[in-house]
Amino acid sequence: MDARLKRQLLNEINVINDTLSAFGIDASAEPKRTVIGGDQTIIFALRVERGQATSEIEKHLSELSEAISAVRRQSTMVQLLRSPLRLEMTHPFCKPLIWDSQSLSGAKHALLLGRTYDSGARDLWLSFDNAPHVLTAGTTGAGKSVELANMLLGLCWNTSPADLRIVLIDLKNTDLVPFQRLPHVEVLATDLKPAFDALRSAGAILKQRQANHGNTPRLLIVVDEYTDLVGDTEAMSHADRIARQGRSANINLLVATQHPTSKALGGSTIKNN
């Protein structure tokens, strides 16, 4: 650890402990229990005295965020993690995480979620065997587009185009556009009619595979901001059917949205599945 980072973290530990103490919370961070996650994240493990309620710490996360933001002179969100109890935030001198070929290497038909430094550095992968459909949600600026990029790049790096076909639906015509050059991609729909047509086509493929008992190659339908699609009854019926029955036919949904409510997703079927 360089001297500048060491000074910064000691200062932040003092700020955390002073803030907790000001609210009568009997808990503290310690230098020896601080985990540095590369150049991306910092985790401050908390020593909590017996009888201290975790809910009291959680209640004052906004004050902790304000205190850390003030000492860093940049907006910083503090999150509370459990088992064990710790505070997580971005690295004070954060740098982009650079993926290399070794990092991208994983199992076929699996999505790269990101990298964690909790209990040692490791990359997190999500297999379609364990999650046939994936919903990623967050407000503007929360990182949905970066997460979609991680997922698609990790998936396509390890899975042959012969085993994986992708339909991209991006009505904003922005974040998914660069991925149309991937050899796995069959369709990029940036307007409502092509998007609805793509869902109808996927529904027809599902029906055909069910009749013929076929399930290859995998078909992945990626939708950036699913809420923009809600409104076409026929298209939504195909999407709902894929959500309910697509797993057995190797047809999967990867959906991003700002509002993961049943109403915003056109009903409960997408969210429940």
Protein backbone atom coordinates (compact mmCIF):
# COMPACT_ATOMS: atom_id res chain seq x y z
CA MET A 1 0.00 0.00 0.00
CA ASP A 2 1.44 3.39 -0.96
CA ALA A 3 1.73 6.18 1.58
CA ARG A 4 -1.01 8.33 0.03
CA LEU A 5 -3.59 5.53 0.16
CA LYS A 6 -2.55 4.57 3.71
CA ARG A 7 -3.07 8.16 4.91
CA GLN A 8 -6.41 8.38 3.14
CA LEU A 9 -7.74 5.14 4.62
CA LEU A 10 -6.63 6.03 8.15
CA ASN A 11 -8.42 9.34 7.76
CA GLU A 12 -11.57 7.59 6.54
CA ILE A 13 -11.47 5.09 9.41
CA ASN A 14 -11.39 8.03 11.84
CA VAL A 15 -14.31 9.64 10.03
CA ILE A 16 -16.33 6.40 10.17
CA ASN A 17 -15.62 5.90 13.86
CA ASP A 18 -16.37 9.54 14.74
CA THR A 19 -19.67 9.39 12.81
CA LEU A 20 -20.77 6.15 14.49
CA SER A 21 -19.79 7.48 17.90
CA ALA A 22 -21.74 10.71 17.32
CA PHE A 23 -24.91 8.65 16.99
CA GLY A 24 -24.14 6.53 20.03
CA ILE A 25 -23.31 3.42 17.98
CA ASP A 26 -20.85 1.07 19.66
CA ALA A 27 -18.99 -0.10 16.56
CA SER A 28 -15.74 0.80 14.86
CA ALA A 29 -13.51 0.14 11.85
CA GLU A 30 -9.85 -0.84 12.23
CA PRO A 31 -6.88 -0.57 9.82
CA LYS A 32 -5.93 -4.24 10.16
CA ARG A 33 -9.44 -5.33 9.17
CA THR A 34 -9.65 -3.18 6.05
CA VAL A 35 -9.71 -4.94 2.66
CA ILE A 36 -8.45 -3.19 -0.47
CA GLY A 37 -10.19 -4.49 -3.57
CA GLY A 38 -7.74 -3.71 -6.32
CA ASP A 39 -8.27 -0.14 -7.51
CA GLN A 40 -12.05 -0.38 -7.38
CA THR A 41 -13.38 -0.90 -3.87
CA ILE A 42 -12.63 -0.63 -0.16
CA ILE A 43 -14.23 -2.78 2.54
CA PHE A 44 -14.03 -1.66 6.16
CA ALA A 45 -14.86 -4.55 8.50
CA LEU A 46 -16.69 -3.40 11.63
CA ARG A 47 -16.04 -4.51 15.18
CA VAL A 48 -19.44 -4.40 16.85
CA GLU A 49 -19.89 -4.64 20.60
CA ARG A 50 -22.39 -7.10 22.04
CA GLY A 51 -25.89 -5.70 22.23
CA GLN A 52 -25.39 -3.18 19.43
CA ALA A 53 -28.23 -3.43 16.91
CA THR A 54 -27.22 -3.65 13.26
CA SER A 55 -30.35 -1.69 12.34
CA GLU A 56 -28.89 1.39 14.05
CA ILE A 57 -25.85 1.29 11.76
CA GLU A 58 -28.07 0.82 8.72
CA LYS A 59 -30.23 3.74 9.80
CA HIS A 60 -27.26 6.10 9.55
CA LEU A 61 -25.75 5.01 6.22
CA SER A 62 -26.70 8.36 4.65
CA GLU A 63 -24.71 10.22 7.34
CA LEU A 64 -21.75 7.89 6.78
CA SER A 65 -21.98 8.53 3.03
CA GLU A 66 -22.04 12.29 3.60
CA ALA A 67 -19.04 12.12 5.93
CA ILE A 68 -16.94 10.04 3.53
CA SER A 69 -18.02 12.21 0.59
CA ALA A 70 -16.88 15.30 2.49
CA VAL A 71 -13.42 13.93 3.27
CA ARG A 72 -12.97 12.67 -0.31
CA ARG A 73 -14.54 15.76 -1.87
CA GLN A 74 -16.53 13.52 -4.17
CA SER A 75 -19.87 11.79 -3.87
CA THR A 76 -19.40 8.33 -2.32
CA MET A 77 -22.13 5.84 -1.41
CA VAL A 78 -21.54 3.64 1.63
CA GLN A 79 -23.19 0.21 1.66
CA LEU A 80 -23.65 -2.13 4.62
CA LEU A 81 -22.74 -5.78 4.08
CA ARG A 82 -23.49 -8.59 6.51
CA SER A 83 -21.95 -11.87 7.70
CA PRO A 84 -19.54 -10.45 8.69
CA LEU A 85 -20.64 -6.86 9.17
CA ARG A 86 -18.69 -4.38 7.03
CA LEU A 87 -18.94 -1.14 5.09
CA GLU A 88 -18.23 -1.15 1.36
CA MET A 89 -17.51 1.84 -0.88
CA THR A 90 -15.58 2.71 -4.01
CA HIS A 91 -11.80 3.08 -3.84
CA PRO A 92 -10.80 6.70 -3.05
CA PHE A 93 -8.53 6.69 -6.11
CA CYS A 94 -10.67 4.44 -8.27
CA LYS A 95 -9.38 3.23 -11.64
CA PRO A 96 -11.21 1.26 -14.35
CA LEU A 97 -11.17 -2.51 -14.00
CA ILE A 98 -9.38 -3.91 -17.04
CA TRP A 99 -10.53 -7.38 -18.12
CA ASP A 100 -7.95 -9.62 -19.77
CA SER A 101 -8.33 -12.93 -21.58
CA GLN A 102 -7.64 -14.90 -18.41
CA SER A 103 -10.32 -13.01 -16.48
CA LEU A 104 -12.87 -13.53 -19.22
CA SER A 105 -12.30 -17.28 -19.37
CA GLY A 106 -15.22 -19.13 -17.81
CA ALA A 107 -17.81 -21.79 -18.48
CA LYS A 108 -19.92 -21.89 -21.62
CA HIS A 109 -23.36 -20.27 -21.38
CA ALA A 110 -22.45 -18.21 -18.32
CA LEU A 111 -22.70 -14.47 -17.68
CA LEU A 112 -19.83 -12.50 -16.14
CA LEU A 113 -21.34 -10.41 -13.33
CA GLY A 114 -18.17 -8.72 -12.12
CA ARG A 115 -15.35 -9.11 -9.66
CA THR A 116 -15.55 -9.32 -5.87
CA TYR A 117 -12.77 -8.90 -3.35
CA ASP A 118 -14.79 -10.27 -0.46
CA SER A 119 -12.87 -13.28 0.92
CA GLY A 120 -10.24 -12.86 -1.79
CA ALA A 121 -10.37 -11.61 -5.37
CA ARG A 122 -12.56 -13.71 -7.65
CA ASP A 123 -14.80 -13.22 -10.65
CA LEU A 124 -18.52 -13.92 -10.34
CA TRP A 125 -20.27 -15.95 -13.05
CA LEU A 126 -23.95 -16.80 -13.42
CA SER A 127 -24.88 -19.87 -15.45
CA PHE A 128 -28.16 -20.15 -17.32
CA ASP A 129 -28.44 -23.57 -15.69
CA ASN A 130 -28.98 -21.77 -12.39
CA ALA A 131 -30.87 -18.71 -13.64
CA PRO A 132 -32.80 -19.15 -16.89
CA HIS A 133 -33.78 -15.48 -16.98
CA VAL A 134 -31.98 -12.45 -15.54
CA LEU A 135 -33.34 -9.06 -14.48
CA THR A 136 -30.89 -6.26 -13.70
CA ALA A 137 -32.37 -3.10 -12.19
CA GLY A 138 -31.09 0.29 -11.11
CA THR A 139 -31.61 4.00 -11.51
CA THR A 140 -29.87 6.07 -14.17
CA GLY A 141 -26.11 5.97 -13.58
CA ALA A 142 -26.27 2.89 -11.33
CA GLY A 143 -24.27 0.77 -13.79
CA LYS A 144 -26.85 -1.28 -15.73
CA SER A 145 -25.11 -0.68 -19.06
CA VAL A 146 -21.72 -1.71 -17.67
CA GLU A 147 -23.28 -4.83 -16.17
CA LEU A 148 -24.93 -5.75 -19.48
CA ALA A 149 -21.56 -5.31 -21.20
CA ASN A 150 -19.85 -7.58 -18.66
CA MET A 151 -22.53 -10.23 -19.11
CA LEU A 152 -22.51 -10.21 -22.90
CA LEU A 153 -18.74 -10.12 -23.31
CA GLY A 154 -18.16 -12.92 -20.81
CA LEU A 155 -20.91 -15.02 -22.41
CA CYS A 156 -19.76 -14.53 -26.00
CA TRP A 157 -16.06 -14.97 -25.17
CA ASN A 158 -16.68 -18.52 -23.95
CA THR A 159 -19.59 -19.63 -26.12
CA SER A 160 -19.40 -20.32 -29.85
CA PRO A 161 -21.82 -18.52 -32.21
CA ALA A 162 -22.92 -22.00 -33.29
CA ASP A 163 -24.17 -22.61 -29.73
CA LEU A 164 -25.55 -19.14 -29.01
CA ARG A 165 -27.73 -16.72 -30.95
CA ILE A 166 -28.59 -13.28 -29.58
CA VAL A 167 -31.40 -10.80 -30.21
CA LEU A 168 -30.71 -7.25 -28.98
CA ILE A 169 -33.53 -4.80 -28.29
CA ASP A 170 -32.39 -1.26 -27.47
CA LEU A 171 -35.02 1.40 -28.13
CA LYS A 172 -32.67 4.12 -26.88
CA ASN A 173 -30.34 3.09 -29.73
CA THR A 174 -27.26 3.51 -27.53
CA ASP A 175 -25.79 0.96 -25.13
CA LEU A 176 -26.38 -2.29 -27.03
CA VAL A 177 -25.54 -0.93 -30.49
CA PRO A 178 -21.79 -1.76 -30.36
CA PHE A 179 -22.60 -5.43 -29.71
CA GLN A 180 -24.30 -5.89 -33.08
CA ARG A 181 -20.83 -6.64 -34.51
CA LEU A 182 -20.57 -9.82 -32.45
CA PRO A 183 -20.93 -12.92 -34.64
CA HIS A 184 -23.54 -14.26 -32.19
CA VAL A 185 -26.00 -11.43 -32.87
CA GLU A 186 -28.86 -12.06 -35.30
CA VAL A 187 -30.96 -8.94 -34.74
CA LEU A 188 -30.54 -5.45 -33.30
CA ALA A 189 -33.93 -3.78 -32.92
CA THR A 190 -33.90 -0.05 -32.13
CA ASP A 191 -37.54 0.74 -33.01
CA LEU A 192 -40.82 -0.59 -31.68
CA LYS A 193 -41.96 -2.53 -34.73
CA PRO A 194 -38.68 -4.50 -35.20
CA ALA A 195 -38.63 -5.12 -31.44
CA PHE A 196 -42.16 -6.52 -31.44
CA ASP A 197 -41.33 -8.57 -34.55
CA ALA A 198 -38.27 -10.01 -32.77
CA LEU A 199 -40.40 -11.08 -29.79
CA ARG A 200 -43.01 -12.65 -32.08
CA SER A 201 -40.25 -14.53 -33.92
CA ALA A 202 -38.83 -15.80 -30.61
CA GLY A 203 -42.32 -16.91 -29.61
CA ALA A 204 -42.61 -18.86 -32.86
CA ILE A 205 -39.21 -20.50 -32.26
CA LEU A 206 -40.36 -21.51 -28.77
CA LYS A 207 -43.52 -23.08 -30.18
CA GLN A 208 -41.53 -24.92 -32.85
CA ARG A 209 -38.99 -26.26 -30.38
CA GLN A 210 -41.72 -27.47 -28.06
CA ALA A 211 -43.35 -29.32 -30.93
CA ASN A 212 -40.09 -30.85 -32.17
CA HIS A 213 -38.48 -31.32 -28.74
CA GLY A 214 -35.44 -29.29 -29.82
CA ASN A 215 -33.46 -26.81 -27.74
CA THR A 216 -30.38 -25.71 -29.69
CA PRO A 217 -28.76 -23.34 -30.23
CA ARG A 218 -29.44 -21.22 -27.15
CA LEU A 219 -31.41 -18.08 -27.99
CA LEU A 220 -30.83 -15.07 -25.73
CA ILE A 221 -33.11 -12.03 -25.92
CA VAL A 222 -31.51 -8.93 -24.39
CA VAL A 223 -33.72 -5.92 -23.67
CA ASP A 224 -32.29 -2.63 -22.42
CA GLU A 225 -35.13 -0.84 -20.57
CA TYR A 226 -37.93 -3.34 -20.86
CA THR A 227 -40.52 -0.77 -19.78
CA ASP A 228 -40.27 0.85 -23.24
CA LEU A 229 -41.72 -2.33 -24.76
CA VAL A 230 -44.78 -2.56 -22.56
CA GLY A 231 -47.95 -1.79 -24.50
CA ASP A 232 -48.18 -4.26 -27.39
CA THR A 233 -50.47 -7.04 -26.18
CA GLU A 234 -49.28 -9.68 -28.64
CA ALA A 235 -45.59 -8.96 -28.11
CA MET A 236 -46.04 -9.03 -24.33
CA SER A 237 -47.84 -12.36 -24.56
CA HIS A 238 -44.83 -13.84 -26.38
CA ALA A 239 -42.44 -12.37 -23.79
CA ASP A 240 -44.56 -13.77 -20.94
CA ARG A 241 -44.62 -17.20 -22.54
CA ILE A 242 -40.85 -17.17 -23.01
CA ALA A 243 -40.45 -16.19 -19.35
CA ARG A 244 -42.66 -19.10 -18.27
CA GLN A 245 -41.62 -21.82 -20.72
CA GLY A 246 -38.37 -20.74 -22.38
CA ARG A 247 -35.98 -22.57 -20.08
CA SER A 248 -36.71 -26.05 -21.44
CA ALA A 249 -36.23 -24.77 -25.00
CA ASN A 250 -32.97 -22.90 -24.22
CA ILE A 251 -34.58 -19.52 -24.81
CA ASN A 252 -33.57 -16.97 -22.19
CA LEU A 253 -34.32 -13.34 -21.31
CA LEU A 254 -31.78 -10.79 -20.08
CA VAL A 255 -33.72 -7.68 -19.15
CA ALA A 256 -32.62 -4.31 -17.75
CA THR A 257 -34.94 -1.69 -16.31
CA GLN A 258 -35.01 1.31 -14.01
CA HIS A 259 -38.32 0.26 -12.47
CA PRO A 260 -38.52 -3.46 -11.54
CA THR A 261 -42.19 -3.34 -10.60
CA SER A 262 -44.81 -5.69 -11.99
CA LYS A 263 -46.72 -2.77 -13.51
CA ALA A 264 -43.63 -1.36 -15.26
CA LEU A 265 -42.80 -4.82 -16.62
CA GLY A 266 -46.26 -5.33 -18.09
CA GLY A 267 -47.49 -7.70 -15.38
CA SER A 268 -46.11 -10.11 -12.83
CA THR A 269 -44.95 -12.88 -15.20
CA ILE A 270 -41.62 -11.32 -16.21
CA LYS A 271 -40.74 -10.30 -12.67
CA ASN A 272 -41.79 -13.63 -11.11
CA ASN A 273 -39.69 -15.64 -13.56
